């Protein structure tokens, strides 16, 4: 249980953190869907995310949240948001 005096600040911090996590998850949803559609149609995973645009599965790559980038694993088809270096 938290400190009653800092509860409002703790709550706002938790809300901000949840919002950042939700934005990152939401941003990968179109990519994951396009990867699945590519995989079903082409019977393989895309070599990189740009192949989704070149093949017409996405009009353009979505922009990653501030100070992050998309990390794609062509072996598994997994895409996630990671801190930009």
PDB file of N, CA and C in Angstrom:
ATOM      1  N   UNK A   1       0.834  -1.174   0.000  1.00  0.00           N
ATOM      2  CA  UNK A   1       0.000   0.000   0.000  1.00  0.00           C
ATOM      3  C   UNK A   1       0.876   1.233   0.000  1.00  0.00           C
ATOM      4  N   UNK A   2       0.482   2.262  -0.759  1.00  0.00           N
ATOM      5  CA  UNK A   2       1.284   3.467  -0.906  1.00  0.00           C
ATOM      6  C   UNK A   2       1.048   4.471   0.205  1.00  0.00           C
ATOM      7  N   UNK A   3       1.801   5.519   0.161  1.00  0.00           N
ATOM      8  CA  UNK A   3       1.704   6.620   1.110  1.00  0.00           C
ATOM      9  C   UNK A   3       0.521   7.500   0.726  1.00  0.00           C
ATOM     10  N   UNK A   4      -0.423   7.769   1.650  1.00  0.00           N
ATOM     11  CA  UNK A   4      -1.587   8.591   1.315  1.00  0.00           C
ATOM     12  C   UNK A   4      -1.213  10.005   0.869  1.00  0.00           C
ATOM     13  N   UNK A   5      -0.090  10.511   1.345  1.00  0.00           N
ATOM     14  CA  UNK A   5       0.308  11.866   0.975  1.00  0.00           C
ATOM     15  C   UNK A   5       0.802  11.951  -0.464  1.00  0.00           C
ATOM     16  N   UNK A   6       1.384  10.881  -0.962  1.00  0.00           N
ATOM     17  CA  UNK A   6       1.906  10.898  -2.336  1.00  0.00           C
ATOM     18  C   UNK A   6       0.988  10.173  -3.313  1.00  0.00           C
ATOM     19  N   UNK A   7      -0.164   9.713  -2.825  1.00  0.00           N
ATOM     20  CA  UNK A   7      -1.070   8.936  -3.675  1.00  0.00           C
ATOM     21  C   UNK A   7      -1.454   9.669  -4.966  1.00  0.00           C
ATOM     22  N   UNK A   8      -1.822  10.968  -4.917  1.00  0.00           N
ATOM     23  CA  UNK A   8      -2.183  11.633  -6.188  1.00  0.00           C
ATOM     24  C   UNK A   8      -1.032  11.661  -7.184  1.00  0.00           C
ATOM     25  N   UNK A   9       0.163  11.919  -6.716  1.00  0.00           N
ATOM     26  CA  UNK A   9       1.331  11.949  -7.596  1.00  0.00           C
ATOM     27  C   UNK A   9       1.638  10.544  -8.116  1.00  0.00           C
ATOM     28  N   UNK A  10       1.551   9.551  -7.247  1.00  0.00           N
ATOM     29  CA  UNK A  10       1.779   8.161  -7.654  1.00  0.00           C
ATOM     30  C   UNK A  10       0.764   7.747  -8.714  1.00  0.00           C
ATOM     31  N   UNK A  11      -0.486   8.156  -8.504  1.00  0.00           N
ATOM     32  CA  UNK A  11      -1.557   7.816  -9.448  1.00  0.00           C
ATOM     33  C   UNK A  11      -1.283   8.440 -10.810  1.00  0.00           C
ATOM     34  N   UNK A  12      -0.944   9.723 -10.826  1.00  0.00           N
ATOM     35  CA  UNK A  12      -0.662  10.398 -12.099  1.00  0.00           C
ATOM     36  C   UNK A  12       0.543   9.772 -12.793  1.00  0.00           C
ATOM     37  N   UNK A  13       1.544   9.378 -12.020  1.00  0.00           N
ATOM     38  CA  UNK A  13       2.706   8.704 -12.608  1.00  0.00           C
ATOM     39  C   UNK A  13       2.320   7.377 -13.224  1.00  0.00           C
ATOM     40  N   UNK A  14       1.442   6.639 -12.542  1.00  0.00           N
ATOM     41  CA  UNK A  14       0.993   5.339 -13.068  1.00  0.00           C
ATOM     42  C   UNK A  14       0.166   5.534 -14.335  1.00  0.00           C
ATOM     43  N   UNK A  15      -0.669   6.557 -14.359  1.00  0.00           N
ATOM     44  CA  UNK A  15      -1.476   6.850 -15.551  1.00  0.00           C
ATOM     45  C   UNK A  15      -0.560   7.195 -16.722  1.00  0.00           C
ATOM     46  N   UNK A  16       0.447   8.025 -16.489  1.00  0.00           N
ATOM     47  CA  UNK A  16       1.397   8.395 -17.550  1.00  0.00           C
ATOM     48  C   UNK A  16       2.141   7.189 -18.079  1.00  0.00           C
ATOM     49  N   UNK A  17       2.568   6.318 -17.191  1.00  0.00           N
ATOM     50  CA  UNK A  17       3.281   5.102 -17.599  1.00  0.00           C
ATOM     51  C   UNK A  17       2.363   4.198 -18.422  1.00  0.00           C
ATOM     52  N   UNK A  18       1.128   4.035 -17.985  1.00  0.00           N
ATOM     53  CA  UNK A  18       0.176   3.190 -18.717  1.00  0.00           C
ATOM     54  C   UNK A  18      -0.081   3.759 -20.105  1.00  0.00           C
ATOM     55  N   UNK A  19      -0.173   5.077 -20.201  1.00  0.00           N
ATOM     56  CA  UNK A  19      -0.408   5.722 -21.493  1.00  0.00           C
ATOM     57  C   UNK A  19       0.769   5.462 -22.436  1.00  0.00           C
ATOM     58  N   UNK A  20       1.985   5.586 -21.932  1.00  0.00           N
ATOM     59  CA  UNK A  20       3.169   5.343 -22.774  1.00  0.00           C
ATOM     60  C   UNK A  20       3.205   3.889 -23.246  1.00  0.00           C
ATOM     61  N   UNK A  21       2.893   2.951 -22.374  1.00  0.00           N
ATOM     62  CA  UNK A  21       2.878   1.536 -22.743  1.00  0.00           C
ATOM     63  C   UNK A  21       1.792   1.287 -23.780  1.00  0.00           C
ATOM     64  N   UNK A  22       0.608   1.858 -23.564  1.00  0.00           N
ATOM     65  CA  UNK A  22      -0.499   1.674 -24.501  1.00  0.00           C
ATOM     66  C   UNK A  22      -0.157   2.238 -25.867  1.00  0.00           C
ATOM     67  N   UNK A  23       0.509   3.396 -25.914  1.00  0.00           N
ATOM     68  CA  UNK A  23       0.902   3.989 -27.194  1.00  0.00           C
ATOM     69  C   UNK A  23       1.867   3.076 -27.931  1.00  0.00           C
ATOM     70  N   UNK A  24       2.803   2.484 -27.212  1.00  0.00           N
ATOM     71  CA  UNK A  24       3.771   1.587 -27.846  1.00  0.00           C
ATOM     72  C   UNK A  24       3.089   0.331 -28.383  1.00  0.00           C
ATOM     73  N   UNK A  25       2.156  -0.213 -27.617  1.00  0.00           N
ATOM     74  CA  UNK A  25       1.437  -1.403 -28.065  1.00  0.00           C
ATOM     75  C   UNK A  25       0.579  -1.068 -29.272  1.00  0.00           C
ATOM     76  N   UNK A  26      -0.123   0.058 -29.193  1.00  0.00           N
ATOM     77  CA  UNK A  26      -1.009   0.451 -30.291  1.00  0.00           C
ATOM     78  C   UNK A  26      -0.216   0.706 -31.562  1.00  0.00           C
ATOM     79  N   UNK A  27       0.968   1.249 -31.446  1.00  0.00           N
ATOM     80  CA  UNK A  27       1.754   1.559 -32.628  1.00  0.00           C
ATOM     81  C   UNK A  27       2.245   0.308 -33.353  1.00  0.00           C
ATOM     82  N   UNK A  28       2.386  -0.801 -32.657  1.00  0.00           N
ATOM     83  CA  UNK A  28       2.856  -2.022 -33.313  1.00  0.00           C
ATOM     84  C   UNK A  28       1.711  -2.832 -33.924  1.00  0.00           C
ATOM     85  N   UNK A  29       0.472  -2.539 -33.551  1.00  0.00           N
ATOM     86  CA  UNK A  29      -0.665  -3.326 -34.040  1.00  0.00           C
ATOM     87  C   UNK A  29      -0.773  -3.332 -35.569  1.00  0.00           C
ATOM     88  N   UNK A  30      -0.700  -2.172 -36.258  1.00  0.00           N
ATOM     89  CA  UNK A  30      -0.785  -2.210 -37.723  1.00  0.00           C
ATOM     90  C   UNK A  30       0.384  -2.969 -38.353  1.00  0.00           C
ATOM     91  N   UNK A  31       1.553  -2.849 -37.758  1.00  0.00           N
ATOM     92  CA  UNK A  31       2.719  -3.569 -38.275  1.00  0.00           C
ATOM     93  C   UNK A  31       2.530  -5.072 -38.133  1.00  0.00           C
ATOM     94  N   UNK A  32       2.082  -5.502 -36.966  1.00  0.00           N
ATOM     95  CA  UNK A  32       1.887  -6.938 -36.739  1.00  0.00           C
ATOM     96  C   UNK A  32       0.824  -7.497 -37.683  1.00  0.00           C
ATOM     97  N   UNK A  33      -0.235  -6.733 -37.907  1.00  0.00           N
ATOM     98  CA  UNK A  33      -1.283  -7.179 -38.821  1.00  0.00           C
ATOM     99  C   UNK A  33      -0.741  -7.286 -40.247  1.00  0.00           C
ATOM    100  N   UNK A  34       0.028  -6.304 -40.677  1.00  0.00           N
ATOM    101  CA  UNK A  34       0.606  -6.334 -42.022  1.00  0.00           C
ATOM    102  C   UNK A  34       1.587  -7.498 -42.174  1.00  0.00           C
ATOM    103  N   UNK A  35       2.359  -7.769 -41.138  1.00  0.00           N
ATOM    104  CA  UNK A  35       3.300  -8.898 -41.173  1.00  0.00           C
ATOM    105  C   UNK A  35       2.534 -10.206 -41.320  1.00  0.00           C
ATOM    106  N   UNK A  36       1.430 -10.352 -40.581  1.00  0.00           N
ATOM    107  CA  UNK A  36       0.623 -11.575 -40.686  1.00  0.00           C
ATOM    108  C   UNK A  36       0.021 -11.716 -42.085  1.00  0.00           C
ATOM    109  N   UNK A  37      -0.498 -10.619 -42.640  1.00  0.00           N
ATOM    110  CA  UNK A  37      -1.084 -10.672 -43.981  1.00  0.00           C
ATOM    111  C   UNK A  37      -0.020 -11.022 -45.019  1.00  0.00           C
ATOM    112  N   UNK A  38       1.161 -10.433 -44.892  1.00  0.00           N
ATOM    113  CA  UNK A  38       2.272 -10.735 -45.793  1.00  0.00           C
ATOM    114  C   UNK A  38       2.616 -12.223 -45.701  1.00  0.00           C
ATOM    115  N   UNK A  39       2.726 -12.725 -44.482  1.00  0.00           N
ATOM    116  CA  UNK A  39       3.105 -14.115 -44.250  1.00  0.00           C
ATOM    117  C   UNK A  39       2.103 -15.076 -44.877  1.00  0.00           C
ATOM    118  N   UNK A  40       0.821 -14.786 -44.725  1.00  0.00           N
ATOM    119  CA  UNK A  40      -0.218 -15.647 -45.298  1.00  0.00           C
ATOM    120  C   UNK A  40      -0.159 -15.608 -46.826  1.00  0.00           C
ATOM    121  N   UNK A  41      -0.005 -14.413 -47.385  1.00  0.00           N
ATOM    122  CA  UNK A  41      -0.016 -14.264 -48.846  1.00  0.00           C
ATOM    123  C   UNK A  41       1.261 -14.767 -49.510  1.00  0.00           C
ATOM    124  N   UNK A  42       2.396 -14.472 -48.904  1.00  0.00           N
ATOM    125  CA  UNK A  42       3.693 -14.767 -49.528  1.00  0.00           C
ATOM    126  C   UNK A  42       4.309 -16.079 -49.043  1.00  0.00           C
ATOM    127  N   UNK A  43       3.734 -16.688 -48.016  1.00  0.00           N
ATOM    128  CA  UNK A  43       4.240 -17.924 -47.430  1.00  0.00           C
ATOM    129  C   UNK A  43       5.656 -17.776 -46.873  1.00  0.00           C
ATOM    130  N   UNK A  44       5.956 -16.578 -46.433  1.00  0.00           N
ATOM    131  CA  UNK A  44       7.239 -16.290 -45.770  1.00  0.00           C
ATOM    132  C   UNK A  44       7.076 -14.974 -45.015  1.00  0.00           C
ATOM    133  N   UNK A  45       8.015 -14.703 -44.136  1.00  0.00           N
ATOM    134  CA  UNK A  45       8.001 -13.430 -43.411  1.00  0.00           C
ATOM    135  C   UNK A  45       8.762 -12.382 -44.217  1.00  0.00           C
ATOM    136  N   UNK A  46       8.387 -11.106 -44.080  1.00  0.00           N
ATOM    137  CA  UNK A  46       9.141 -10.067 -44.788  1.00  0.00           C
ATOM    138  C   UNK A  46      10.576  -9.983 -44.274  1.00  0.00           C
ATOM    139  N   UNK A  47      11.487  -9.617 -45.176  1.00  0.00           N
ATOM    140  CA  UNK A  47      12.898  -9.489 -44.797  1.00  0.00           C
ATOM    141  C   UNK A  47      13.122  -8.313 -43.854  1.00  0.00           C
ATOM    142  N   UNK A  48      12.351  -7.248 -44.073  1.00  0.00           N
ATOM    143  CA  UNK A  48      12.401  -6.077 -43.203  1.00  0.00           C
ATOM    144  C   UNK A  48      11.054  -5.364 -43.285  1.00  0.00           C
ATOM    145  N   UNK A  49      10.870  -4.351 -42.454  1.00  0.00           N
ATOM    146  CA  UNK A  49       9.585  -3.650 -42.417  1.00  0.00           C
ATOM    147  C   UNK A  49       9.325  -2.871 -43.700  1.00  0.00           C
ATOM    148  N   UNK A  50      10.365  -2.409 -44.365  1.00  0.00           N
ATOM    149  CA  UNK A  50      10.184  -1.673 -45.616  1.00  0.00           C
ATOM    150  C   UNK A  50       9.552  -2.542 -46.700  1.00  0.00           C
ATOM    151  N   UNK A  51       9.753  -3.848 -46.633  1.00  0.00           N
ATOM    152  CA  UNK A  51       9.158  -4.746 -47.612  1.00  0.00           C
ATOM    153  C   UNK A  51       7.630  -4.720 -47.523  1.00  0.00           C
ATOM    154  N   UNK A  52       7.094  -4.411 -46.344  1.00  0.00           N
ATOM    155  CA  UNK A  52       5.641  -4.291 -46.193  1.00  0.00           C
ATOM    156  C   UNK A  52       5.099  -3.125 -47.006  1.00  0.00           C
ATOM    157  N   UNK A  53       5.862  -2.049 -47.072  1.00  0.00           N
ATOM    158  CA  UNK A  53       5.452  -0.870 -47.849  1.00  0.00           C
ATOM    159  C   UNK A  53       5.637  -1.156 -49.337  1.00  0.00           C
ATOM    160  N   UNK A  54       6.790  -1.708 -49.699  1.00  0.00           N
ATOM    161  CA  UNK A  54       7.083  -2.006 -51.105  1.00  0.00           C
ATOM    162  C   UNK A  54       6.074  -2.975 -51.711  1.00  0.00           C
ATOM    163  N   UNK A  55       5.591  -3.904 -50.898  1.00  0.00           N
ATOM    164  CA  UNK A  55       4.643  -4.915 -51.382  1.00  0.00           C
ATOM    165  C   UNK A  55       3.183  -4.460 -51.278  1.00  0.00           C
ATOM    166  N   UNK A  56       2.947  -3.279 -50.729  1.00  0.00           N
ATOM    167  CA  UNK A  56       1.597  -2.736 -50.651  1.00  0.00           C
ATOM    168  C   UNK A  56       0.785  -3.153 -49.437  1.00  0.00           C
ATOM    169  N   UNK A  57       1.401  -3.745 -48.442  1.00  0.00           N
ATOM    170  CA  UNK A  57       0.680  -4.139 -47.234  1.00  0.00           C
ATOM    171  C   UNK A  57       0.482  -2.970 -46.281  1.00  0.00           C
ATOM    172  N   UNK A  58       1.303  -1.939 -46.415  1.00  0.00           N
ATOM    173  CA  UNK A  58       1.167  -0.697 -45.651  1.00  0.00           C
ATOM    174  C   UNK A  58       1.411   0.469 -46.595  1.00  0.00           C
ATOM    175  N   UNK A  59       0.674   1.587 -46.434  1.00  0.00           N
ATOM    176  CA  UNK A  59       0.945   2.757 -47.270  1.00  0.00           C
ATOM    177  C   UNK A  59       2.287   3.403 -46.913  1.00  0.00           C
ATOM    178  N   UNK A  60       2.648   3.344 -45.629  1.00  0.00           N
ATOM    179  CA  UNK A  60       3.923   3.866 -45.125  1.00  0.00           C
ATOM    180  C   UNK A  60       4.149   3.245 -43.750  1.00  0.00           C
ATOM    181  N   UNK A  61       5.386   3.247 -43.312  1.00  0.00           N
ATOM    182  CA  UNK A  61       5.666   2.740 -41.969  1.00  0.00           C
ATOM    183  C   UNK A  61       5.163   3.747 -40.946  1.00  0.00           C
ATOM    184  N   UNK A  62       4.500   3.277 -39.886  1.00  0.00           N
ATOM    185  CA  UNK A  62       4.073   4.208 -38.845  1.00  0.00           C
ATOM    186  C   UNK A  62       5.279   4.793 -38.134  1.00  0.00           C
ATOM    187  N   UNK A  63       5.090   5.960 -37.583  1.00  0.00           N
ATOM    188  CA  UNK A  63       6.178   6.620 -36.853  1.00  0.00           C
ATOM    189  C   UNK A  63       6.254   6.036 -35.450  1.00  0.00           C
ATOM    190  N   UNK A  64       7.451   5.703 -35.027  1.00  0.00           N
ATOM    191  CA  UNK A  64       7.646   5.168 -33.677  1.00  0.00           C
ATOM    192  C   UNK A  64       7.463   6.294 -32.664  1.00  0.00           C
ATOM    193  N   UNK A  65       7.012   5.953 -31.446  1.00  0.00           N
ATOM    194  CA  UNK A  65       6.891   6.983 -30.409  1.00  0.00           C
ATOM    195  C   UNK A  65       8.231   7.681 -30.168  1.00  0.00           C
ATOM    196  N   UNK A  66       8.172   8.866 -29.613  1.00  0.00           N
ATOM    197  CA  UNK A  66       9.342   9.699 -29.356  1.00  0.00           C
ATOM    198  C   UNK A  66      10.463   8.919 -28.669  1.00  0.00           C
ATOM    199  N   UNK A  67      11.659   9.068 -29.204  1.00  0.00           N
ATOM    200  CA  UNK A  67      12.883   8.442 -28.683  1.00  0.00           C
ATOM    201  C   UNK A  67      12.837   6.917 -28.681  1.00  0.00           C
ATOM    202  N   UNK A  68      12.077   6.355 -29.609  1.00  0.00           N
ATOM    203  CA  UNK A  68      12.025   4.904 -29.750  1.00  0.00           C
ATOM    204  C   UNK A  68      12.139   4.550 -31.223  1.00  0.00           C
ATOM    205  N   UNK A  69      12.276   3.265 -31.477  1.00  0.00           N
ATOM    206  CA  UNK A  69      12.304   2.766 -32.851  1.00  0.00           C
ATOM    207  C   UNK A  69      11.658   1.390 -32.862  1.00  0.00           C
ATOM    208  N   UNK A  70      11.285   0.953 -34.053  1.00  0.00           N
ATOM    209  CA  UNK A  70      10.735  -0.383 -34.199  1.00  0.00           C
ATOM    210  C   UNK A  70      11.881  -1.362 -34.394  1.00  0.00           C
ATOM    211  N   UNK A  71      11.796  -2.484 -33.706  1.00  0.00           N
ATOM    212  CA  UNK A  71      12.782  -3.557 -33.867  1.00  0.00           C
ATOM    213  C   UNK A  71      12.042  -4.767 -34.422  1.00  0.00           C
ATOM    214  N   UNK A  72      12.468  -5.231 -35.575  1.00  0.00           N
ATOM    215  CA  UNK A  72      11.816  -6.346 -36.251  1.00  0.00           C
ATOM    216  C   UNK A  72      12.757  -7.528 -36.340  1.00  0.00           C
ATOM    217  N   UNK A  73      12.235  -8.696 -36.032  1.00  0.00           N
ATOM    218  CA  UNK A  73      13.002  -9.940 -36.149  1.00  0.00           C
ATOM    219  C   UNK A  73      12.444 -10.726 -37.336  1.00  0.00           C
ATOM    220  N   UNK A  74      13.175 -10.768 -38.467  1.00  0.00           N
ATOM    221  CA  UNK A  74      12.665 -11.452 -39.652  1.00  0.00           C
ATOM    222  C   UNK A  74      12.574 -12.975 -39.501  1.00  0.00           C
ATOM    223  N   UNK A  75      13.205 -13.536 -38.487  1.00  0.00           N
ATOM    224  CA  UNK A  75      13.125 -14.982 -38.260  1.00  0.00           C
ATOM    225  C   UNK A  75      11.812 -15.371 -37.593  1.00  0.00           C
ATOM    226  N   UNK A  76      11.306 -14.498 -36.717  1.00  0.00           N
ATOM    227  CA  UNK A  76      10.092 -14.818 -35.966  1.00  0.00           C
ATOM    228  C   UNK A  76       8.895 -13.972 -36.381  1.00  0.00           C
ATOM    229  N   UNK A  77       9.137 -12.844 -37.032  1.00  0.00           N
ATOM    230  CA  UNK A  77       8.062 -11.935 -37.405  1.00  0.00           C
ATOM    231  C   UNK A  77       7.640 -11.024 -36.272  1.00  0.00           C
ATOM    232  N   UNK A  78       8.384 -11.039 -35.186  1.00  0.00           N
ATOM    233  CA  UNK A  78       8.048 -10.216 -34.019  1.00  0.00           C
ATOM    234  C   UNK A  78       8.534  -8.786 -34.221  1.00  0.00           C
ATOM    235  N   UNK A  79       7.688  -7.841 -33.863  1.00  0.00           N
ATOM    236  CA  UNK A  79       8.073  -6.429 -33.922  1.00  0.00           C
ATOM    237  C   UNK A  79       7.745  -5.800 -32.585  1.00  0.00           C
ATOM    238  N   UNK A  80       8.669  -4.987 -32.085  1.00  0.00           N
ATOM    239  CA  UNK A  80       8.442  -4.304 -30.808  1.00  0.00           C
ATOM    240  C   UNK A  80       9.062  -2.928 -30.849  1.00  0.00           C
ATOM    241  N   UNK A  81       8.680  -2.112 -29.903  1.00  0.00           N
ATOM    242  CA  UNK A  81       9.211  -0.760 -29.765  1.00  0.00           C
ATOM    243  C   UNK A  81      10.321  -0.807 -28.739  1.00  0.00           C
ATOM    244  N   UNK A  82      11.489  -0.284 -29.108  1.00  0.00           N
ATOM    245  CA  UNK A  82      12.641  -0.260 -28.223  1.00  0.00           C
ATOM    246  C   UNK A  82      13.198   1.156 -28.163  1.00  0.00           C
ATOM    247  N   UNK A  83      13.954   1.495 -27.128  1.00  0.00           N
ATOM    248  CA  UNK A  83      14.550   2.829 -27.067  1.00  0.00           C
ATOM    249  C   UNK A  83      15.498   3.060 -28.243  1.00  0.00           C
ATOM    250  N   UNK A  84      15.439   4.261 -28.806  1.00  0.00           N
ATOM    251  CA  UNK A  84      16.371   4.610 -29.891  1.00  0.00           C
ATOM    252  C   UNK A  84      17.750   4.807 -29.292  1.00  0.00           C
ATOM    253  N   UNK A  85      18.741   4.435 -30.038  1.00  0.00           N
ATOM    254  CA  UNK A  85      20.121   4.545 -29.511  1.00  0.00           C
ATOM    255  C   UNK A  85      20.712   5.880 -29.806  1.00  0.00           C
TER     256      UNK A  85
END
